[in-house]
């Protein structure tokens, strides 16, 4: 079968490999139907920060069909369509026992500690799988995991905030804007240097595009204070600008993957009572995200940048790292649909 495997920083190869054997007890073999390319995939490709085994098949945003069960698996059946939880937790540490698996002391991710979804088949623990509607478009199903990440960030924001600024219209920022447009009563603002991408997010979500400028934001909000923001760029420069436009008492849900280190005066946070809220993956939001997929299918499809095949993954990495996209998500479809005669 074909798989996209990461050997080291900058070294991703699509190659023919042996398909996985029979799954161990508690594990399940999937025919992968679709997978999404995540910003963390690109970060790992650039930096090698999370490479723990080489080579490893990348991809943690995946949906597939169950084709074989390991001994003792009774939570899914052959033929079920499923999406995968990306988090590979230990189940033994204090955080896991407290239900905070996303903060597991030895947390890893699918596609790093075990082979992931950039392949025609994958083998995963049954505990990570959630059944989805068999009629759901696999392109939509592949967006369950990033939708859960966006939902976690949105839920970290103070519930009293009437309006929210989303900085960065990439996959998580755009999905956060979509969720906010349906849950927050106030204005949803979006800011991104990529004008085509912010325009698409605004068109799909009804958000208002702004520059990271205090006067522009004040005008968009009729001079109401900006007390909540989602930082989804991972850009030190953008984050610094954001702190300059956020009003005192505000909170930032930080979900972007940063390159570099912050250099800020902590007194700014103290004197203005700014709360920085780290958002790591998701907590218990994946089942909720799965339930939302049906009603969100149309906007999710409208936010997809491109649908590609396995062989096109290296070129897609190059394009995405260069910032050449006007949509949010590149989806890998393992088998192209058959056009009607």
C-alpha atoms as a PDB file:
ATOM      1  CA  UNK A   1       0.000   0.000   0.000  1.00  0.00           C
ATOM      2  CA  UNK A   2       1.031   3.652  -0.293  1.00  0.00           C
ATOM      3  CA  UNK A   3       1.912   5.763   2.732  1.00  0.00           C
ATOM      4  CA  UNK A   4       3.455   9.189   3.374  1.00  0.00           C
ATOM      5  CA  UNK A   5       6.225   8.658   5.926  1.00  0.00           C
ATOM      6  CA  UNK A   6       8.313  11.216   7.774  1.00  0.00           C
ATOM      7  CA  UNK A   7      11.980  10.259   8.115  1.00  0.00           C
ATOM      8  CA  UNK A   8      13.289  13.510   9.560  1.00  0.00           C
ATOM      9  CA  UNK A   9      12.967  17.291   9.256  1.00  0.00           C
ATOM     10  CA  UNK A  10      12.200  18.129   5.630  1.00  0.00           C
ATOM     11  CA  UNK A  11      12.176  14.454   4.627  1.00  0.00           C
ATOM     12  CA  UNK A  12       8.669  13.200   3.790  1.00  0.00           C
ATOM     13  CA  UNK A  13       8.386  10.323   1.328  1.00  0.00           C
ATOM     14  CA  UNK A  14       5.385   8.728  -0.349  1.00  0.00           C
ATOM     15  CA  UNK A  15       6.348   5.104  -0.799  1.00  0.00           C
ATOM     16  CA  UNK A  16       5.026   1.584  -1.112  1.00  0.00           C
ATOM     17  CA  UNK A  17       5.026  -0.276   2.200  1.00  0.00           C
ATOM     18  CA  UNK A  18       3.582  -3.538   3.432  1.00  0.00           C
ATOM     19  CA  UNK A  19       0.022  -3.169   4.741  1.00  0.00           C
ATOM     20  CA  UNK A  20      -0.379  -3.595   8.486  1.00  0.00           C
ATOM     21  CA  UNK A  21      -0.937  -7.113   9.790  1.00  0.00           C
ATOM     22  CA  UNK A  22      -3.770  -8.340  11.993  1.00  0.00           C
ATOM     23  CA  UNK A  23      -4.510  -5.887  14.806  1.00  0.00           C
ATOM     24  CA  UNK A  24      -3.417  -6.715  18.351  1.00  0.00           C
ATOM     25  CA  UNK A  25      -5.924  -7.139  21.157  1.00  0.00           C
ATOM     26  CA  UNK A  26      -7.784  -3.885  21.697  1.00  0.00           C
ATOM     27  CA  UNK A  27      -6.727  -2.483  18.315  1.00  0.00           C
ATOM     28  CA  UNK A  28      -8.597  -2.066  15.029  1.00  0.00           C
ATOM     29  CA  UNK A  29      -7.567  -2.058  11.381  1.00  0.00           C
ATOM     30  CA  UNK A  30      -9.053   0.674   9.213  1.00  0.00           C
ATOM     31  CA  UNK A  31      -9.309   1.343   5.540  1.00  0.00           C
ATOM     32  CA  UNK A  32      -8.490   5.042   5.592  1.00  0.00           C
ATOM     33  CA  UNK A  33     -11.033   7.051   3.612  1.00  0.00           C
ATOM     34  CA  UNK A  34      -9.741  10.601   4.059  1.00  0.00           C
ATOM     35  CA  UNK A  35      -7.301  12.605   6.153  1.00  0.00           C
ATOM     36  CA  UNK A  36      -6.503  16.266   6.705  1.00  0.00           C
ATOM     37  CA  UNK A  37      -3.152  18.045   6.736  1.00  0.00           C
ATOM     38  CA  UNK A  38      -2.698  19.934  10.024  1.00  0.00           C
ATOM     39  CA  UNK A  39      -0.453  22.835  10.922  1.00  0.00           C
ATOM     40  CA  UNK A  40       1.277  20.572  13.439  1.00  0.00           C
ATOM     41  CA  UNK A  41       2.133  18.164  10.595  1.00  0.00           C
ATOM     42  CA  UNK A  42       3.840  21.057   8.836  1.00  0.00           C
ATOM     43  CA  UNK A  43       5.582  22.170  12.044  1.00  0.00           C
ATOM     44  CA  UNK A  44       6.921  18.667  12.658  1.00  0.00           C
ATOM     45  CA  UNK A  45       8.084  18.453   9.040  1.00  0.00           C
ATOM     46  CA  UNK A  46       9.900  21.792   9.357  1.00  0.00           C
ATOM     47  CA  UNK A  47      11.467  21.307  12.765  1.00  0.00           C
ATOM     48  CA  UNK A  48      11.337  17.615  13.674  1.00  0.00           C
ATOM     49  CA  UNK A  49      10.231  18.733  17.143  1.00  0.00           C
ATOM     50  CA  UNK A  50       7.936  15.768  17.758  1.00  0.00           C
ATOM     51  CA  UNK A  51       9.698  13.024  15.845  1.00  0.00           C
ATOM     52  CA  UNK A  52       9.949  10.094  18.249  1.00  0.00           C
ATOM     53  CA  UNK A  53      10.334   7.275  15.692  1.00  0.00           C
ATOM     54  CA  UNK A  54      11.582   7.187  12.136  1.00  0.00           C
ATOM     55  CA  UNK A  55      10.097   6.596   9.725  1.00  0.00           C
ATOM     56  CA  UNK A  56       6.530   7.113  10.874  1.00  0.00           C
ATOM     57  CA  UNK A  57       3.374   7.469   8.810  1.00  0.00           C
ATOM     58  CA  UNK A  58       2.056  10.978   9.415  1.00  0.00           C
ATOM     59  CA  UNK A  59      -1.529  12.145   9.796  1.00  0.00           C
ATOM     60  CA  UNK A  60      -3.737  12.430  12.870  1.00  0.00           C
ATOM     61  CA  UNK A  61      -6.897  13.905  11.304  1.00  0.00           C
ATOM     62  CA  UNK A  62      -8.430  10.819   9.761  1.00  0.00           C
ATOM     63  CA  UNK A  63     -11.618   8.988   9.016  1.00  0.00           C
ATOM     64  CA  UNK A  64     -11.915   5.409   7.870  1.00  0.00           C
ATOM     65  CA  UNK A  65     -13.922   2.221   7.727  1.00  0.00           C
ATOM     66  CA  UNK A  66     -13.322  -0.663  10.130  1.00  0.00           C
ATOM     67  CA  UNK A  67     -12.096  -3.754   8.259  1.00  0.00           C
ATOM     68  CA  UNK A  68     -10.694  -5.965  11.042  1.00  0.00           C
ATOM     69  CA  UNK A  69     -10.964  -6.196  14.837  1.00  0.00           C
ATOM     70  CA  UNK A  70      -8.406  -7.243  17.386  1.00  0.00           C
ATOM     71  CA  UNK A  71      -9.350  -9.544  20.227  1.00  0.00           C
ATOM     72  CA  UNK A  72     -11.715  -8.069  22.801  1.00  0.00           C
ATOM     73  CA  UNK A  73     -12.937  -5.119  20.729  1.00  0.00           C
ATOM     74  CA  UNK A  74     -16.669  -4.611  21.118  1.00  0.00           C
ATOM     75  CA  UNK A  75     -17.035  -0.827  20.804  1.00  0.00           C
ATOM     76  CA  UNK A  76     -16.948  -0.851  16.996  1.00  0.00           C
ATOM     77  CA  UNK A  77     -17.806  -3.436  14.343  1.00  0.00           C
ATOM     78  CA  UNK A  78     -16.490  -4.302  10.898  1.00  0.00           C
ATOM     79  CA  UNK A  79     -18.085  -1.909   8.439  1.00  0.00           C
ATOM     80  CA  UNK A  80     -18.444   0.977  10.884  1.00  0.00           C
ATOM     81  CA  UNK A  81     -17.290   4.359   9.680  1.00  0.00           C
ATOM     82  CA  UNK A  82     -15.213   6.099  12.312  1.00  0.00           C
ATOM     83  CA  UNK A  83     -13.066   9.114  13.077  1.00  0.00           C
ATOM     84  CA  UNK A  84      -9.962   8.947  15.241  1.00  0.00           C
ATOM     85  CA  UNK A  85      -9.089  10.769  18.422  1.00  0.00           C
ATOM     86  CA  UNK A  86      -5.591  12.093  17.767  1.00  0.00           C
ATOM     87  CA  UNK A  87      -4.432  11.912  21.399  1.00  0.00           C
ATOM     88  CA  UNK A  88      -2.433   8.878  22.544  1.00  0.00           C
ATOM     89  CA  UNK A  89      -2.661   9.024  26.339  1.00  0.00           C
ATOM     90  CA  UNK A  90      -1.302   6.666  28.998  1.00  0.00           C
ATOM     91  CA  UNK A  91      -4.405   6.272  31.156  1.00  0.00           C
ATOM     92  CA  UNK A  92      -2.250   5.904  34.292  1.00  0.00           C
ATOM     93  CA  UNK A  93      -1.054   9.371  35.312  1.00  0.00           C
ATOM     94  CA  UNK A  94      -2.854  11.803  37.608  1.00  0.00           C
ATOM     95  CA  UNK A  95      -4.085  13.926  34.707  1.00  0.00           C
ATOM     96  CA  UNK A  96      -5.593  10.913  32.924  1.00  0.00           C
ATOM     97  CA  UNK A  97      -7.295   9.740  36.120  1.00  0.00           C
ATOM     98  CA  UNK A  98      -8.757  13.244  36.489  1.00  0.00           C
ATOM     99  CA  UNK A  99     -10.199  13.056  32.965  1.00  0.00           C
ATOM    100  CA  UNK A 100      -7.685  15.519  31.490  1.00  0.00           C
ATOM    101  CA  UNK A 101      -6.219  13.194  28.885  1.00  0.00           C
ATOM    102  CA  UNK A 102      -5.052  16.102  26.750  1.00  0.00           C
ATOM    103  CA  UNK A 103      -2.661  16.958  29.602  1.00  0.00           C
ATOM    104  CA  UNK A 104      -1.365  13.395  30.034  1.00  0.00           C
ATOM    105  CA  UNK A 105       2.164  13.296  31.464  1.00  0.00           C
ATOM    106  CA  UNK A 106       3.337  11.188  28.506  1.00  0.00           C
ATOM    107  CA  UNK A 107       0.906  12.390  25.832  1.00  0.00           C
ATOM    108  CA  UNK A 108       1.735  11.559  22.245  1.00  0.00           C
ATOM    109  CA  UNK A 109      -0.234  11.802  19.026  1.00  0.00           C
ATOM    110  CA  UNK A 110      -1.323   9.489  16.249  1.00  0.00           C
ATOM    111  CA  UNK A 111       1.094   9.877  13.366  1.00  0.00           C
ATOM    112  CA  UNK A 112       3.995  10.279  15.807  1.00  0.00           C
ATOM    113  CA  UNK A 113       3.954   7.609  18.504  1.00  0.00           C
ATOM    114  CA  UNK A 114       2.084   5.264  16.161  1.00  0.00           C
ATOM    115  CA  UNK A 115       1.498   5.287  12.419  1.00  0.00           C
ATOM    116  CA  UNK A 116      -1.240   7.637  11.296  1.00  0.00           C
ATOM    117  CA  UNK A 117      -3.681   8.252   8.502  1.00  0.00           C
ATOM    118  CA  UNK A 118      -1.581   9.298   5.510  1.00  0.00           C
ATOM    119  CA  UNK A 119      -1.863   5.754   4.212  1.00  0.00           C
ATOM    120  CA  UNK A 120      -4.375   3.436   2.619  1.00  0.00           C
ATOM    121  CA  UNK A 121      -4.711   1.448   5.858  1.00  0.00           C
ATOM    122  CA  UNK A 122      -4.032   2.152   9.528  1.00  0.00           C
ATOM    123  CA  UNK A 123      -4.147   0.251  12.813  1.00  0.00           C
ATOM    124  CA  UNK A 124      -5.265   2.159  15.908  1.00  0.00           C
ATOM    125  CA  UNK A 125      -6.466   1.449  19.447  1.00  0.00           C
ATOM    126  CA  UNK A 126     -10.227   0.948  19.561  1.00  0.00           C
ATOM    127  CA  UNK A 127     -10.393   3.429  22.451  1.00  0.00           C
ATOM    128  CA  UNK A 128      -9.539   6.231  20.018  1.00  0.00           C
ATOM    129  CA  UNK A 129     -12.364   5.571  17.562  1.00  0.00           C
ATOM    130  CA  UNK A 130     -15.742   7.308  17.367  1.00  0.00           C
ATOM    131  CA  UNK A 131     -18.493   6.061  15.058  1.00  0.00           C
ATOM    132  CA  UNK A 132     -19.880   8.556  12.534  1.00  0.00           C
ATOM    133  CA  UNK A 133     -22.951   8.523  10.310  1.00  0.00           C
ATOM    134  CA  UNK A 134     -22.367   6.201   7.353  1.00  0.00           C
ATOM    135  CA  UNK A 135     -23.909   8.813   5.034  1.00  0.00           C
ATOM    136  CA  UNK A 136     -21.505  11.569   6.069  1.00  0.00           C
ATOM    137  CA  UNK A 137     -19.145  12.860   3.375  1.00  0.00           C
ATOM    138  CA  UNK A 138     -15.653  11.604   4.238  1.00  0.00           C
ATOM    139  CA  UNK A 139     -14.203  15.060   3.572  1.00  0.00           C
ATOM    140  CA  UNK A 140     -16.414  16.406   6.346  1.00  0.00           C
ATOM    141  CA  UNK A 141     -15.688  13.467   8.660  1.00  0.00           C
ATOM    142  CA  UNK A 142     -11.952  14.125   8.316  1.00  0.00           C
ATOM    143  CA  UNK A 143     -12.520  17.557   9.873  1.00  0.00           C
ATOM    144  CA  UNK A 144     -13.909  16.206  13.171  1.00  0.00           C
ATOM    145  CA  UNK A 145     -10.558  16.389  14.974  1.00  0.00           C
ATOM    146  CA  UNK A 146      -9.672  20.004  14.060  1.00  0.00           C
ATOM    147  CA  UNK A 147     -13.269  20.996  14.794  1.00  0.00           C
ATOM    148  CA  UNK A 148     -12.795  19.573  18.308  1.00  0.00           C
ATOM    149  CA  UNK A 149      -9.585  21.609  18.698  1.00  0.00           C
ATOM    150  CA  UNK A 150     -11.425  24.785  17.668  1.00  0.00           C
ATOM    151  CA  UNK A 151     -14.328  23.936  19.979  1.00  0.00           C
ATOM    152  CA  UNK A 152     -11.935  23.522  22.912  1.00  0.00           C
ATOM    153  CA  UNK A 153     -10.412  26.949  22.243  1.00  0.00           C
ATOM    154  CA  UNK A 154     -13.829  28.594  21.967  1.00  0.00           C
ATOM    155  CA  UNK A 155     -14.969  26.998  25.223  1.00  0.00           C
ATOM    156  CA  UNK A 156     -11.871  28.315  26.994  1.00  0.00           C
ATOM    157  CA  UNK A 157     -13.012  31.898  26.371  1.00  0.00           C
ATOM    158  CA  UNK A 158     -15.008  33.739  29.056  1.00  0.00           C
ATOM    159  CA  UNK A 159     -18.726  33.201  28.545  1.00  0.00           C
ATOM    160  CA  UNK A 160     -19.440  36.869  29.277  1.00  0.00           C
ATOM    161  CA  UNK A 161     -17.506  38.105  26.236  1.00  0.00           C
ATOM    162  CA  UNK A 162     -19.950  39.586  23.762  1.00  0.00           C
ATOM    163  CA  UNK A 163     -17.646  39.791  20.755  1.00  0.00           C
ATOM    164  CA  UNK A 164     -14.530  37.905  19.742  1.00  0.00           C
ATOM    165  CA  UNK A 165     -11.545  38.537  17.487  1.00  0.00           C
ATOM    166  CA  UNK A 166     -10.014  35.546  15.719  1.00  0.00           C
ATOM    167  CA  UNK A 167      -6.453  36.181  14.589  1.00  0.00           C
ATOM    168  CA  UNK A 168      -5.505  33.775  11.834  1.00  0.00           C
ATOM    169  CA  UNK A 169      -7.890  32.255   9.295  1.00  0.00           C
ATOM    170  CA  UNK A 170      -6.111  28.944   8.953  1.00  0.00           C
ATOM    171  CA  UNK A 171      -7.887  25.683   9.791  1.00  0.00           C
ATOM    172  CA  UNK A 172      -8.333  26.197  13.527  1.00  0.00           C
ATOM    173  CA  UNK A 173      -8.965  29.937  13.349  1.00  0.00           C
ATOM    174  CA  UNK A 174     -11.505  29.531  10.570  1.00  0.00           C
ATOM    175  CA  UNK A 175     -13.288  26.712  12.385  1.00  0.00           C
ATOM    176  CA  UNK A 176     -13.280  28.789  15.577  1.00  0.00           C
ATOM    177  CA  UNK A 177     -14.903  31.652  13.650  1.00  0.00           C
ATOM    178  CA  UNK A 178     -17.527  29.229  12.338  1.00  0.00           C
ATOM    179  CA  UNK A 179     -18.336  27.983  15.844  1.00  0.00           C
ATOM    180  CA  UNK A 180     -18.333  31.498  17.302  1.00  0.00           C
ATOM    181  CA  UNK A 181     -20.711  32.712  14.610  1.00  0.00           C
ATOM    182  CA  UNK A 182     -23.219  30.186  15.938  1.00  0.00           C
ATOM    183  CA  UNK A 183     -22.639  30.565  19.665  1.00  0.00           C
ATOM    184  CA  UNK A 184     -21.655  34.159  20.518  1.00  0.00           C
ATOM    185  CA  UNK A 185     -24.284  36.870  20.337  1.00  0.00           C
ATOM    186  CA  UNK A 186     -21.854  39.656  19.518  1.00  0.00           C
ATOM    187  CA  UNK A 187     -19.624  40.478  16.569  1.00  0.00           C
ATOM    188  CA  UNK A 188     -17.122  37.930  15.284  1.00  0.00           C
ATOM    189  CA  UNK A 189     -14.046  39.634  13.855  1.00  0.00           C
ATOM    190  CA  UNK A 190     -11.319  37.931  11.819  1.00  0.00           C
ATOM    191  CA  UNK A 191      -7.849  39.134  10.895  1.00  0.00           C
ATOM    192  CA  UNK A 192      -5.367  37.479   8.533  1.00  0.00           C
ATOM    193  CA  UNK A 193      -2.639  38.690   6.177  1.00  0.00           C
ATOM    194  CA  UNK A 194      -3.959  36.266   3.537  1.00  0.00           C
ATOM    195  CA  UNK A 195      -6.813  38.336   2.139  1.00  0.00           C
ATOM    196  CA  UNK A 196      -8.299  35.546   0.044  1.00  0.00           C
ATOM    197  CA  UNK A 197      -8.450  33.216   3.033  1.00  0.00           C
ATOM    198  CA  UNK A 198     -10.003  35.793   5.379  1.00  0.00           C
ATOM    199  CA  UNK A 199     -12.532  36.645   2.666  1.00  0.00           C
ATOM    200  CA  UNK A 200     -13.555  32.998   2.410  1.00  0.00           C
ATOM    201  CA  UNK A 201     -13.932  32.668   6.179  1.00  0.00           C
ATOM    202  CA  UNK A 202     -15.977  35.872   6.319  1.00  0.00           C
ATOM    203  CA  UNK A 203     -18.201  34.697   3.469  1.00  0.00           C
ATOM    204  CA  UNK A 204     -18.889  31.323   5.089  1.00  0.00           C
ATOM    205  CA  UNK A 205     -19.248  32.493   8.704  1.00  0.00           C
ATOM    206  CA  UNK A 206     -20.569  36.028   8.400  1.00  0.00           C
ATOM    207  CA  UNK A 207     -17.564  37.372  10.333  1.00  0.00           C
ATOM    208  CA  UNK A 208     -16.253  40.898   9.831  1.00  0.00           C
ATOM    209  CA  UNK A 209     -12.717  41.314   8.466  1.00  0.00           C
ATOM    210  CA  UNK A 210     -10.508  43.786  10.339  1.00  0.00           C
ATOM    211  CA  UNK A 211      -6.878  44.821  10.513  1.00  0.00           C
ATOM    212  CA  UNK A 212      -5.016  44.329  13.794  1.00  0.00           C
ATOM    213  CA  UNK A 213      -5.451  48.012  14.507  1.00  0.00           C
ATOM    214  CA  UNK A 214      -7.197  49.524  17.544  1.00  0.00           C
ATOM    215  CA  UNK A 215      -9.136  52.134  15.528  1.00  0.00           C
ATOM    216  CA  UNK A 216     -10.339  49.588  12.962  1.00  0.00           C
ATOM    217  CA  UNK A 217     -11.485  47.191  15.670  1.00  0.00           C
ATOM    218  CA  UNK A 218     -13.174  49.953  17.656  1.00  0.00           C
ATOM    219  CA  UNK A 219     -15.087  51.005  14.537  1.00  0.00           C
ATOM    220  CA  UNK A 220     -16.188  47.430  13.820  1.00  0.00           C
ATOM    221  CA  UNK A 221     -17.396  47.025  17.405  1.00  0.00           C
ATOM    222  CA  UNK A 222     -18.991  50.466  17.765  1.00  0.00           C
ATOM    223  CA  UNK A 223     -16.379  51.294  20.431  1.00  0.00           C
ATOM    224  CA  UNK A 224     -17.382  48.364  22.663  1.00  0.00           C
ATOM    225  CA  UNK A 225     -14.392  46.829  24.462  1.00  0.00           C
ATOM    226  CA  UNK A 226     -12.642  43.828  22.934  1.00  0.00           C
ATOM    227  CA  UNK A 227     -12.433  41.306  25.763  1.00  0.00           C
ATOM    228  CA  UNK A 228     -11.897  37.979  23.974  1.00  0.00           C
ATOM    229  CA  UNK A 229      -9.669  36.723  21.193  1.00  0.00           C
ATOM    230  CA  UNK A 230      -8.437  33.491  19.653  1.00  0.00           C
ATOM    231  CA  UNK A 231      -4.770  33.503  18.594  1.00  0.00           C
ATOM    232  CA  UNK A 232      -4.489  30.925  15.820  1.00  0.00           C
ATOM    233  CA  UNK A 233      -1.434  32.073  13.868  1.00  0.00           C
ATOM    234  CA  UNK A 234       1.502  31.018  16.023  1.00  0.00           C
ATOM    235  CA  UNK A 235       3.121  34.291  14.948  1.00  0.00           C
ATOM    236  CA  UNK A 236       5.035  36.219  17.615  1.00  0.00           C
ATOM    237  CA  UNK A 237       4.458  39.455  15.692  1.00  0.00           C
ATOM    238  CA  UNK A 238       0.704  38.861  15.383  1.00  0.00           C
ATOM    239  CA  UNK A 239       0.440  37.952  19.070  1.00  0.00           C
ATOM    240  CA  UNK A 240       2.255  41.146  20.059  1.00  0.00           C
ATOM    241  CA  UNK A 241      -0.129  43.187  17.913  1.00  0.00           C
ATOM    242  CA  UNK A 242      -3.078  41.381  19.448  1.00  0.00           C
ATOM    243  CA  UNK A 243      -2.029  42.345  22.967  1.00  0.00           C
ATOM    244  CA  UNK A 244      -1.994  45.947  21.772  1.00  0.00           C
ATOM    245  CA  UNK A 245      -5.644  45.901  20.663  1.00  0.00           C
ATOM    246  CA  UNK A 246      -7.138  43.777  23.453  1.00  0.00           C
ATOM    247  CA  UNK A 247      -8.843  45.808  26.166  1.00  0.00           C
ATOM    248  CA  UNK A 248      -8.068  45.522  29.868  1.00  0.00           C
ATOM    249  CA  UNK A 249      -9.693  42.491  31.450  1.00  0.00           C
ATOM    250  CA  UNK A 250      -9.542  40.589  28.173  1.00  0.00           C
ATOM    251  CA  UNK A 251      -8.571  36.964  27.535  1.00  0.00           C
ATOM    252  CA  UNK A 252      -6.706  35.260  24.694  1.00  0.00           C
ATOM    253  CA  UNK A 253      -7.241  31.604  23.829  1.00  0.00           C
ATOM    254  CA  UNK A 254      -3.826  30.620  22.432  1.00  0.00           C
ATOM    255  CA  UNK A 255      -4.163  27.710  20.019  1.00  0.00           C
ATOM    256  CA  UNK A 256      -1.537  28.539  17.383  1.00  0.00           C
ATOM    257  CA  UNK A 257       1.742  26.611  17.216  1.00  0.00           C
ATOM    258  CA  UNK A 258       4.471  29.182  17.685  1.00  0.00           C
ATOM    259  CA  UNK A 259       7.875  29.461  16.071  1.00  0.00           C
ATOM    260  CA  UNK A 260      10.140  31.425  18.364  1.00  0.00           C
ATOM    261  CA  UNK A 261       9.832  32.805  21.894  1.00  0.00           C
ATOM    262  CA  UNK A 262       7.749  35.581  23.406  1.00  0.00           C
ATOM    263  CA  UNK A 263       9.371  38.734  24.727  1.00  0.00           C
ATOM    264  CA  UNK A 264       6.698  40.666  26.596  1.00  0.00           C
ATOM    265  CA  UNK A 265       6.610  42.806  29.703  1.00  0.00           C
ATOM    266  CA  UNK A 266       4.693  40.741  32.289  1.00  0.00           C
ATOM    267  CA  UNK A 267       3.562  43.966  33.911  1.00  0.00           C
ATOM    268  CA  UNK A 268       1.360  44.494  30.865  1.00  0.00           C
ATOM    269  CA  UNK A 269      -0.539  41.336  31.825  1.00  0.00           C
ATOM    270  CA  UNK A 270      -0.620  42.247  35.509  1.00  0.00           C
ATOM    271  CA  UNK A 271      -1.714  45.860  35.209  1.00  0.00           C
ATOM    272  CA  UNK A 272      -4.316  45.200  32.508  1.00  0.00           C
ATOM    273  CA  UNK A 273      -5.416  41.832  33.938  1.00  0.00           C
ATOM    274  CA  UNK A 274      -4.945  40.057  30.611  1.00  0.00           C
ATOM    275  CA  UNK A 275      -5.490  36.292  30.770  1.00  0.00           C
ATOM    276  CA  UNK A 276      -3.487  34.039  28.440  1.00  0.00           C
ATOM    277  CA  UNK A 277      -5.308  30.724  28.062  1.00  0.00           C
ATOM    278  CA  UNK A 278      -3.267  27.857  26.645  1.00  0.00           C
ATOM    279  CA  UNK A 279      -5.356  25.508  24.483  1.00  0.00           C
ATOM    280  CA  UNK A 280      -3.738  22.119  23.939  1.00  0.00           C
ATOM    281  CA  UNK A 281      -5.585  19.837  21.509  1.00  0.00           C
ATOM    282  CA  UNK A 282      -8.990  19.202  23.125  1.00  0.00           C
ATOM    283  CA  UNK A 283     -10.458  17.774  26.305  1.00  0.00           C
ATOM    284  CA  UNK A 284     -13.826  16.027  25.907  1.00  0.00           C
ATOM    285  CA  UNK A 285     -15.005  17.969  22.835  1.00  0.00           C
ATOM    286  CA  UNK A 286     -14.543  15.311  20.124  1.00  0.00           C
ATOM    287  CA  UNK A 287     -17.938  13.591  20.625  1.00  0.00           C
ATOM    288  CA  UNK A 288     -19.626  17.001  20.480  1.00  0.00           C
ATOM    289  CA  UNK A 289     -17.697  17.856  17.325  1.00  0.00           C
ATOM    290  CA  UNK A 290     -18.778  14.562  15.734  1.00  0.00           C
ATOM    291  CA  UNK A 291     -22.416  15.375  16.517  1.00  0.00           C
ATOM    292  CA  UNK A 292     -22.033  18.772  14.833  1.00  0.00           C
ATOM    293  CA  UNK A 293     -20.656  17.431  11.543  1.00  0.00           C
ATOM    294  CA  UNK A 294     -24.010  16.861   9.877  1.00  0.00           C
ATOM    295  CA  UNK A 295     -25.386  20.355  10.471  1.00  0.00           C
ATOM    296  CA  UNK A 296     -22.030  21.942   9.612  1.00  0.00           C
ATOM    297  CA  UNK A 297     -21.408  19.917   6.448  1.00  0.00           C
ATOM    298  CA  UNK A 298     -22.085  22.721   3.973  1.00  0.00           C
ATOM    299  CA  UNK A 299     -19.865  25.367   5.604  1.00  0.00           C
ATOM    300  CA  UNK A 300     -17.138  22.791   6.274  1.00  0.00           C
ATOM    301  CA  UNK A 301     -17.091  21.777   2.604  1.00  0.00           C
ATOM    302  CA  UNK A 302     -17.007  25.461   1.637  1.00  0.00           C
ATOM    303  CA  UNK A 303     -13.875  25.983   3.753  1.00  0.00           C
ATOM    304  CA  UNK A 304     -11.861  23.172   2.115  1.00  0.00           C
ATOM    305  CA  UNK A 305      -8.909  24.454   0.091  1.00  0.00           C
ATOM    306  CA  UNK A 306      -8.145  21.400  -2.041  1.00  0.00           C
ATOM    307  CA  UNK A 307      -8.802  17.676  -2.186  1.00  0.00           C
ATOM    308  CA  UNK A 308      -5.709  15.694  -3.205  1.00  0.00           C
ATOM    309  CA  UNK A 309      -4.408  12.147  -3.467  1.00  0.00           C
ATOM    310  CA  UNK A 310      -1.632  10.521  -1.423  1.00  0.00           C
ATOM    311  CA  UNK A 311       0.986  11.157  -4.100  1.00  0.00           C
ATOM    312  CA  UNK A 312       0.362  14.902  -3.890  1.00  0.00           C
ATOM    313  CA  UNK A 313       1.146  15.269  -0.169  1.00  0.00           C
ATOM    314  CA  UNK A 314       4.790  16.488  -0.518  1.00  0.00           C
ATOM    315  CA  UNK A 315       3.729  19.161  -3.026  1.00  0.00           C
ATOM    316  CA  UNK A 316       0.870  20.158  -0.728  1.00  0.00           C
ATOM    317  CA  UNK A 317       3.304  20.585   2.179  1.00  0.00           C
ATOM    318  CA  UNK A 318       5.454  22.850   0.023  1.00  0.00           C
ATOM    319  CA  UNK A 319       2.453  24.909  -1.077  1.00  0.00           C
ATOM    320  CA  UNK A 320       1.032  25.257   2.433  1.00  0.00           C
ATOM    321  CA  UNK A 321       4.382  26.208   3.977  1.00  0.00           C
ATOM    322  CA  UNK A 322       4.677  28.917   1.327  1.00  0.00           C
ATOM    323  CA  UNK A 323       1.252  30.270   2.344  1.00  0.00           C
ATOM    324  CA  UNK A 324      -0.288  29.552  -1.049  1.00  0.00           C
ATOM    325  CA  UNK A 325      -3.853  28.681  -0.093  1.00  0.00           C
ATOM    326  CA  UNK A 326      -7.119  30.576   0.018  1.00  0.00           C
ATOM    327  CA  UNK A 327      -9.028  27.885   1.901  1.00  0.00           C
ATOM    328  CA  UNK A 328      -8.564  26.339   5.315  1.00  0.00           C
ATOM    329  CA  UNK A 329      -7.999  22.658   4.927  1.00  0.00           C
ATOM    330  CA  UNK A 330      -6.300  20.355   2.448  1.00  0.00           C
ATOM    331  CA  UNK A 331      -8.001  16.959   2.473  1.00  0.00           C
ATOM    332  CA  UNK A 332      -6.351  13.764   1.257  1.00  0.00           C
ATOM    333  CA  UNK A 333      -8.897  11.419  -0.299  1.00  0.00           C
ATOM    334  CA  UNK A 334      -7.570   7.886  -0.607  1.00  0.00           C
ATOM    335  CA  UNK A 335      -9.974   6.889  -3.371  1.00  0.00           C
ATOM    336  CA  UNK A 336     -11.478   9.398  -5.770  1.00  0.00           C
ATOM    337  CA  UNK A 337     -15.265   9.111  -6.179  1.00  0.00           C
ATOM    338  CA  UNK A 338     -16.498   7.434  -9.339  1.00  0.00           C
ATOM    339  CA  UNK A 339     -18.276   9.920 -11.584  1.00  0.00           C
ATOM    340  CA  UNK A 340     -21.710   8.777 -12.820  1.00  0.00           C
ATOM    341  CA  UNK A 341     -21.771   7.607 -16.410  1.00  0.00           C
END
